[in-house]
Protein backbone atom coordinates (compact mmCIF):
# COMPACT_ATOMS: atom_id res chain seq x y z
CA MET A 1 -0.36 0.02 -0.27
CA THR A 2 1.31 3.70 -1.17
CA THR A 3 2.14 6.10 1.54
CA GLU A 4 1.81 8.71 -0.68
CA SER A 5 -0.49 11.57 0.85
CA HIS A 6 0.71 14.73 -1.50
CA HIS A 7 -1.83 14.63 -4.33
CA PRO A 8 -2.75 17.45 -6.88
CA GLY A 9 -5.16 19.77 -5.95
CA ARG A 10 -8.29 20.83 -7.93
CA TRP A 11 -10.10 24.50 -7.92
CA TRP A 12 -7.53 27.02 -7.66
CA HIS A 13 -5.59 29.64 -10.09
CA ALA A 14 -2.50 31.48 -9.54
CA LEU A 15 -2.66 34.89 -8.69
CA ASP A 16 0.03 37.63 -9.73
CA ASP A 17 1.79 38.15 -7.40
CA GLY A 18 2.90 34.02 -7.32
CA ARG A 19 0.58 33.05 -4.48
CA ILE A 20 -2.56 30.81 -5.47
CA GLN A 21 -5.45 31.13 -4.10
CA CYS A 22 -7.63 28.00 -3.33
CA ASP A 23 -11.45 28.20 -5.51
CA LEU A 24 -12.78 25.52 -3.09
CA CYS A 25 -14.46 26.96 -0.66
CA PRO A 26 -15.71 30.93 0.29
CA ARG A 27 -12.86 31.45 2.28
CA ASP A 28 -10.92 32.02 -0.59
CA CYS A 29 -7.61 31.01 0.70
CA LYS A 30 -4.48 32.95 -0.93
CA LEU A 31 -1.16 30.93 -0.44
CA HIS A 32 2.48 31.58 -0.76
CA GLU A 33 4.90 28.76 -1.58
CA GLY A 34 4.42 26.39 1.53
CA GLN A 35 2.10 27.14 2.96
CA ARG A 36 -1.60 26.09 4.08
CA GLY A 37 -5.07 27.24 4.05
CA ALA A 38 -6.89 27.60 6.64
CA CYS A 39 -7.98 23.86 6.59
CA PHE A 40 -4.40 22.90 7.01
CA VAL A 41 -4.73 20.23 4.50
CA ARG A 42 -4.45 21.89 1.25
CA LYS A 43 -1.16 23.20 0.46
CA MET A 44 1.04 25.25 -1.94
CA GLU A 45 3.52 23.27 -2.74
CA HIS A 46 6.22 23.81 -6.54
CA GLY A 47 3.62 26.74 -7.46
CA GLN A 48 0.69 24.39 -7.28
CA MET A 49 -1.97 23.20 -4.92
CA ILE A 50 -1.98 20.24 -3.47
CA LEU A 51 -4.13 17.41 -1.05
CA THR A 52 -2.23 16.28 1.85
CA THR A 53 -4.51 13.78 2.90
CA TYR A 54 -5.24 11.62 0.03
CA GLY A 55 -4.98 8.16 1.00
CA ARG A 56 -4.58 8.78 4.64
CA SER A 57 -7.59 8.64 7.13
CA SER A 58 -8.03 8.82 10.87
CA GLY A 59 -9.90 5.47 10.85
CA PHE A 60 -12.52 3.39 9.66
CA CYS A 61 -15.57 1.94 10.89
CA ILE A 62 -18.99 0.80 10.00
CA ASP A 63 -22.12 2.49 11.06
CA PRO A 64 -25.53 2.06 11.17
CA ILE A 65 -26.89 4.88 8.51
CA GLU A 66 -29.11 5.95 11.25
CA LYS A 67 -26.16 7.87 12.82
CA LYS A 68 -24.74 10.06 9.86
CA PRO A 69 -28.44 10.71 10.91
CA LEU A 70 -30.22 9.64 7.97
CA ALA A 71 -33.05 8.62 8.40
CA HIS A 72 -34.80 8.43 4.86
CA PHE A 73 -31.77 6.51 2.99
CA TYR A 74 -31.92 2.77 3.02
CA PRO A 75 -32.73 2.19 6.99
CA GLY A 76 -31.21 -0.60 8.72
CA SER A 77 -28.19 -0.56 6.58
CA SER A 78 -24.65 -0.51 7.28
CA VAL A 79 -22.20 2.41 6.43
CA PHE A 80 -18.68 2.07 6.23
CA SER A 81 -17.13 5.91 7.54
CA PHE A 82 -14.25 7.40 7.44
CA GLY A 83 -12.89 10.90 8.14
CA THR A 84 -9.17 12.58 7.11
CA ALA A 85 -8.62 15.54 9.43
CA GLY A 86 -8.71 19.29 9.61
CA CYS A 87 -12.10 21.34 8.15
CA ASN A 88 -12.73 24.48 6.71
CA LEU A 89 -15.16 25.89 9.46
CA ALA A 90 -13.70 27.13 12.91
CA CYS A 91 -16.73 25.91 14.86
CA LYS A 92 -16.14 26.60 18.61
CA PHE A 93 -19.02 23.74 19.66
CA CYS A 94 -16.90 21.47 17.07
CA GLN A 95 -18.11 17.17 18.33
CA ASN A 96 -15.81 15.86 16.88
CA TRP A 97 -12.53 18.69 17.27
CA ASP A 98 -9.81 16.23 18.11
CA ILE A 99 -10.19 14.83 14.41
CA SER A 100 -11.66 18.20 12.52
CA LYS A 101 -9.34 20.81 13.86
CA SER A 102 -6.37 18.74 14.28
CA ARG A 103 -2.68 20.03 12.89
CA GLU A 104 -0.95 16.91 13.34
CA MET A 105 -0.78 14.52 10.77
CA ASP A 106 -0.23 11.91 13.49
CA ARG A 107 -3.89 11.58 13.70
CA LEU A 108 -3.87 10.11 10.37
CA MET A 109 -3.41 6.29 11.49
CA ASP A 110 -4.35 4.26 8.67
CA GLN A 111 -4.17 4.57 4.96
CA ALA A 112 -6.18 3.36 1.87
CA GLN A 113 -6.24 4.24 -1.41
CA PRO A 114 -9.96 4.54 -3.39
CA LYS A 115 -10.20 0.80 -4.87
CA GLU A 116 -9.13 -1.15 -1.44
CA ILE A 117 -12.06 1.55 0.35
CA ALA A 118 -14.53 0.15 -1.97
CA LEU A 119 -13.38 -3.58 -1.68
CA ALA A 120 -13.32 -3.39 2.10
CA ALA A 121 -16.92 -1.74 2.29
CA GLN A 122 -18.31 -4.38 -0.68
CA GLN A 123 -16.42 -7.45 1.69
CA HIS A 124 -18.22 -6.18 5.02
CA HIS A 125 -21.61 -5.78 3.16
CA CYS A 126 -22.03 -1.93 3.79
CA LYS A 127 -24.65 -0.50 1.64
CA SER A 128 -22.93 2.36 1.14
CA VAL A 129 -19.81 4.74 2.38
CA ALA A 130 -19.79 7.78 4.02
CA PHE A 131 -17.53 10.47 3.97
CA THR A 132 -18.25 11.74 7.59
CA TYR A 133 -15.83 12.68 11.08
CA ASN A 134 -14.31 15.78 9.23
CA ASP A 135 -15.90 17.49 6.38
CA PRO A 136 -15.27 15.91 3.13
CA VAL A 137 -15.39 19.29 0.91
CA ILE A 138 -11.27 19.42 2.04
CA PHE A 139 -10.74 16.06 0.78
CA ALA A 140 -12.95 16.49 -2.04
CA GLU A 141 -10.72 14.76 -4.56
CA TYR A 142 -10.07 11.66 -2.58
CA ALA A 143 -13.80 11.28 -1.50
CA MET A 144 -14.22 11.85 -5.37
CA ASP A 145 -12.20 9.09 -6.19
CA VAL A 146 -13.35 6.95 -3.82
CA ALA A 147 -17.31 7.66 -4.82
CA ASP A 148 -15.83 7.02 -8.38
CA GLU A 149 -14.46 3.19 -7.26
CA CYS A 150 -17.60 2.48 -5.15
CA HIS A 151 -20.28 3.05 -8.28
CA LYS A 152 -18.02 0.32 -10.29
CA LEU A 153 -19.57 -2.20 -7.43
CA GLY A 154 -22.73 -0.69 -6.89
CA ILE A 155 -21.88 0.91 -3.39
CA LYS A 156 -23.55 4.11 -2.77
CA THR A 157 -21.50 7.36 -1.44
CA VAL A 158 -22.70 9.58 1.84
CA ALA A 159 -21.05 13.36 2.63
CA VAL A 160 -21.71 14.62 5.96
CA THR A 161 -20.73 17.92 5.84
CA ALA A 162 -21.45 21.47 6.70
CA GLY A 163 -21.97 22.53 2.84
CA TYR A 164 -19.62 25.36 3.06
CA MET A 165 -17.56 25.55 -0.57
CA HIS A 166 -18.12 27.58 -3.77
CA ASP A 167 -20.44 26.46 -6.45
CA GLN A 168 -18.32 24.94 -9.04
CA ALA A 169 -16.53 22.65 -6.44
CA ARG A 170 -19.96 22.28 -5.41
CA ARG A 171 -20.92 20.62 -8.28
CA GLU A 172 -18.55 18.68 -9.50
CA PHE A 173 -18.64 16.78 -5.90
CA TYR A 174 -22.21 16.37 -5.66
CA ALA A 175 -22.56 14.37 -9.23
CA LYS A 176 -20.30 11.84 -7.48
CA MET A 177 -22.70 11.85 -4.76
CA ASP A 178 -25.82 9.84 -3.81
CA ALA A 179 -26.86 11.26 -0.45
CA ALA A 180 -25.82 13.55 1.97
CA ASN A 181 -26.22 15.25 5.39
CA VAL A 182 -25.67 18.73 5.64
CA ASP A 183 -25.27 20.92 8.82
CA LEU A 184 -27.26 23.89 8.57
CA LYS A 185 -25.61 25.16 12.41
CA ALA A 186 -28.03 28.23 12.60
CA PHE A 187 -30.03 30.55 10.95
CA THR A 188 -28.27 33.62 11.44
CA ASP A 189 -24.90 35.30 9.88
CA GLU A 190 -23.87 36.03 13.41
CA PHE A 191 -23.80 32.96 15.10
CA TYR A 192 -21.66 31.59 11.94
CA VAL A 193 -19.41 34.90 11.82
CA LYS A 194 -19.03 34.64 15.28
CA LEU A 195 -18.61 30.49 16.10
CA THR A 196 -18.17 29.19 13.23
CA GLY A 197 -15.56 31.95 11.04
CA GLY A 198 -18.05 31.58 8.06
CA HIS A 199 -21.12 32.70 6.49
CA LEU A 200 -24.93 31.73 6.53
CA GLN A 201 -25.75 32.02 2.97
CA PRO A 202 -22.83 29.42 1.30
CA ILE A 203 -25.13 26.76 3.02
CA LEU A 204 -28.23 28.20 1.98
CA ASP A 205 -26.89 27.63 -1.37
CA THR A 206 -25.76 24.02 -1.07
CA LEU A 207 -29.38 22.95 0.38
CA ILE A 208 -31.11 24.88 -2.79
CA TYR A 209 -28.89 23.17 -5.37
CA LEU A 210 -29.30 20.18 -3.90
CA LYS A 211 -33.16 20.54 -3.82
CA ARG A 212 -33.65 21.81 -7.41
CA GLU A 213 -30.57 20.82 -9.31
CA THR A 214 -29.29 16.97 -8.62
CA ASN A 215 -30.76 14.00 -7.14
CA VAL A 216 -29.05 13.52 -4.19
CA TRP A 217 -30.80 12.85 -1.40
CA PHE A 218 -29.75 14.91 1.51
CA GLU A 219 -31.54 15.48 5.04
CA ILE A 220 -30.54 18.55 6.77
CA THR A 221 -28.45 18.13 10.75
CA THR A 222 -29.31 21.82 13.08
CA LEU A 223 -27.42 20.92 16.61
CA LEU A 224 -28.72 22.88 19.12
CA ILE A 225 -27.15 25.21 21.54
CA PRO A 226 -28.79 26.43 25.03
CA GLY A 227 -28.74 30.48 24.35
CA LYS A 228 -26.86 30.51 20.84
CA ASN A 229 -29.32 29.48 18.20
CA ASP A 230 -32.65 27.72 19.80
CA SER A 231 -34.74 30.63 20.34
CA ASP A 232 -39.10 30.10 18.86
CA GLU A 233 -38.16 32.60 16.90
CA GLU A 234 -34.70 31.47 15.24
CA LEU A 235 -36.27 27.92 15.18
CA ILE A 236 -39.48 29.39 13.49
CA THR A 237 -37.47 31.41 10.71
CA LEU A 238 -35.00 28.11 9.75
CA SER A 239 -38.41 25.77 9.71
CA GLN A 240 -40.24 28.56 7.62
CA TRP A 241 -37.26 28.95 5.31
CA ILE A 242 -37.34 25.10 5.05
CA MET A 243 -40.25 24.93 4.64
CA LYS A 244 -40.49 27.93 1.62
CA GLU A 245 -37.38 26.83 -0.49
CA LEU A 246 -36.82 23.00 -0.16
CA GLY A 247 -40.26 21.85 0.85
CA PRO A 248 -41.98 19.85 3.32
CA ASP A 249 -40.47 16.31 2.50
CA VAL A 250 -36.80 17.13 3.31
CA PRO A 251 -36.27 15.37 6.89
CA LEU A 252 -34.64 17.61 9.73
CA HIS A 253 -32.65 16.15 12.46
CA PHE A 254 -32.33 18.73 15.72
CA SER A 255 -29.96 17.43 17.66
CA ALA A 256 -28.19 17.89 21.12
CA PHE A 257 -24.99 19.28 22.03
CA HIS A 258 -22.39 18.54 24.57
CA PRO A 259 -19.77 20.63 25.97
CA ASP A 260 -16.75 20.56 24.10
CA TYR A 261 -13.90 22.32 22.37
CA LYS A 262 -14.11 25.66 23.11
CA MET A 263 -17.53 25.88 24.31
CA THR A 264 -17.25 23.72 27.30
CA ASP A 265 -19.05 26.86 29.92
CA VAL A 266 -22.31 26.06 27.87
CA ARG A 267 -24.81 23.64 29.11
CA ALA A 268 -25.54 20.60 27.42
CA THR A 269 -29.26 21.03 25.28
CA PRO A 270 -32.29 20.10 27.80
CA PRO A 271 -34.12 17.21 25.72
CA GLU A 272 -37.26 19.21 26.44
CA THR A 273 -35.65 22.09 24.04
CA LEU A 274 -34.92 19.44 21.10
CA VAL A 275 -38.81 18.57 21.81
CA ARG A 276 -40.08 22.11 21.70
CA ALA A 277 -37.96 22.63 18.18
CA ARG A 278 -39.45 19.56 16.40
CA ASN A 279 -42.76 20.68 17.47
CA ILE A 280 -42.03 24.07 16.07
CA ALA A 281 -40.65 22.64 12.57
CA LEU A 282 -43.77 20.02 12.36
CA ARG A 283 -46.49 23.36 12.84
CA ALA A 284 -44.45 24.81 10.15
CA GLY A 285 -45.48 22.00 7.62
CA LEU A 286 -42.47 20.09 7.55
CA HIS A 287 -43.36 16.31 7.08
CA TYR A 288 -40.16 14.42 8.77
CA VAL A 289 -38.31 16.11 11.92
CA TYR A 290 -36.24 13.94 14.18
CA THR A 291 -33.93 14.15 17.59
CA GLY A 292 -31.07 13.35 18.31
CA ASN A 293 -28.44 12.48 20.85
CA VAL A 294 -31.26 11.50 23.19
CA HIS A 295 -33.44 9.11 23.90
CA ASN A 296 -37.11 9.76 22.38
CA ILE A 297 -38.15 7.16 20.44
CA GLU A 298 -41.18 9.61 19.24
CA GLY A 299 -38.30 11.93 17.76
CA ASP A 300 -36.94 8.55 16.18
CA THR A 301 -40.02 7.86 14.69
CA THR A 302 -40.83 7.99 10.97
CA PHE A 303 -44.72 8.79 10.82
CA CYS A 304 -46.93 8.84 7.60
CA PRO A 305 -47.45 12.74 6.98
CA GLU A 306 -51.21 11.69 5.54
CA CYS A 307 -52.75 9.09 8.28
CA LYS A 308 -50.24 10.01 11.17
CA SER A 309 -49.30 6.27 11.83
CA PRO A 310 -45.87 4.79 12.95
CA LEU A 311 -43.88 3.21 9.92
CA ILE A 312 -40.27 3.21 11.26
CA VAL A 313 -40.01 2.91 15.06
CA ARG A 314 -36.65 3.75 16.11
CA ASP A 315 -34.87 3.36 19.82
CA TRP A 316 -31.84 4.75 19.29
CA TYR A 317 -30.29 3.48 16.00
CA GLN A 318 -32.67 0.27 16.52
CA LEU A 319 -35.15 -0.13 13.95
CA LYS A 320 -38.27 -1.68 16.51
CA ASP A 321 -41.06 -1.50 13.73
CA TYR A 322 -40.90 -1.19 10.23
CA HIS A 323 -44.05 -0.92 8.22
CA LEU A 324 -43.04 0.76 5.24
CA THR A 325 -44.18 -1.13 1.62
CA ASP A 326 -41.12 -2.15 -0.40
CA SER A 327 -41.64 0.89 -2.87
CA GLY A 328 -41.54 3.33 0.11
CA HIS A 329 -45.89 3.42 0.89
CA CYS A 330 -47.61 3.65 3.53
CA PRO A 331 -49.53 0.59 3.97
CA HIS A 332 -52.45 2.21 5.63
CA CYS A 333 -53.25 4.64 3.32
CA GLN A 334 -50.72 4.47 0.72
CA ALA A 335 -49.22 7.62 0.88
CA LYS A 336 -45.61 8.14 -0.98
CA ILE A 337 -43.12 7.93 1.92
CA VAL A 338 -39.74 9.86 0.42
CA GLY A 339 -36.79 8.85 0.04
CA ARG A 340 -34.58 5.99 -0.83
CA PHE A 341 -36.22 2.23 0.46
CA GLN A 342 -35.43 -1.37 -0.09
CA HIS A 343 -36.70 -4.16 0.80
CA PHE A 344 -36.33 -5.06 4.41
CA GLU A 345 -36.50 -7.66 7.06
CA PRO A 346 -36.02 -7.26 10.46
CA ASN A 347 -33.57 -9.26 11.43
CA GLN A 348 -31.08 -8.54 8.82
CA GLN A 349 -30.75 -5.03 10.20
CA PHE A 350 -27.26 -3.64 11.22
CA GLY A 351 -28.07 -2.42 14.35
CA SER A 352 -26.82 -0.26 16.65
CA ARG A 353 -23.24 -1.57 16.17
CA ARG A 354 -20.04 0.37 15.65
CA ILE A 355 -17.30 -1.84 14.26
CA PRO A 356 -13.64 -0.19 13.82
CA ILE A 357 -11.97 -1.61 10.75
CA ALA A 358 -8.29 -1.93 10.65
CA MET A 359 -7.95 -1.58 6.58
CA HIS A 360 -4.55 -3.80 6.95
CA ILE A 361 -7.02 -6.77 8.51
CA ALA A 362 -9.81 -5.63 6.03
CA GLN A 363 -7.40 -5.87 3.12
CA ALA A 364 -5.37 -9.04 4.08
C-alpha cells in the first residue's frame, strides 16, 4: 500500500504576485509557497495546489446509517465510514474537534487508496460509504475518487458536511454523491461569523442547489446550543425557510449539543428543547422532523405525513418496527414516503453497533 499523500488539488488559480488562490470554499485562501490554507490540508507546493491527506484517514468504522444521521436512506443498513483531518470551518462547539481541528498528521493513522476502501466496504456488506467525522469538502478529490470506485461495485456514497463550498466545486463534488447530511448550524449570519468563522448564505446555496439541481438524497441537521441558536424565533424562521425553499419532505434532525472544545462553559441541550424545536418545525408544515443525541422514541420515529401512522419505529439506532412497503408507501393509506428504500427484513438490520476496521486487516 502506498504511503504517498501529496495529491494534486483541484479548484485553484495562480495570482499575479506568485501566490495561488484556493477556489474550493468561500474562504478563498491565498497561499504563498509552502503555506497551508485555513483547513490545514490544502497547500501550495512547487507553485501548485496539493491535497496533503489523500489516501490517509483518521480511522475506518462500520456504522448504522441512522448515525449519520440519515433516516430515509436505506434504513437499517450499514455504512462504511471514514474521515481525514482538518476542516474549513472553525466551529467553537465542534463535537469532533480532535479530528477536525487536528494540526498534526499523526491523527491519520490508517492508509487506503480509493479502490481498497470500496473493496473493504463490499467485503463487509455495507450498502454505502460515508465521508464523515471531518468535512469531506476539504478532501473532495479523495472522496470523489473513492465514490467512483464505490459506484463500480454498486455501493452508494454519502457526504456528511457543513456544505461550505463554492459553486463549481459543489457541482463536481455532488455529481459523485448519492446522499448527504448537511449541517445547517443556525439561521443567523451572526452565529456563523462568531462561532464558525464562516457565513450562512453559502450553506443555504448548497441546500437550494441540492434540492433544485440534483437527485442527491439529502437531510439536514441542526445542532441546538442553549442560548445560541435555540430561540423560538430562530427555529420558526429556519423551519419556514426550509418549507418555502426546499419543501415539506426534506427530513430535519435537531441534535443535542454537549459541552466540548471551546464551549465547555455552555450546558448540554435539555431534551425538552429538542421536543420544542421538533414541534415548531412540524407546525411549520415539515413532514419528517427528528431528534438526535437523546433517547426519544417518538423523535426517532418516521410517521406517515398523511395518516400519522408510525412506519419506522426507532430506539436509538435500532429499528423496532418497520411497516413501509418495498416501494416506500404507507401500508395504511398508500401515501408515498420520500427517500431511498429497499426490501427490509428486521432480522437483517445492522443495528446499533459500531465496528472499527483496520484497513490492513480488511485487505488481508
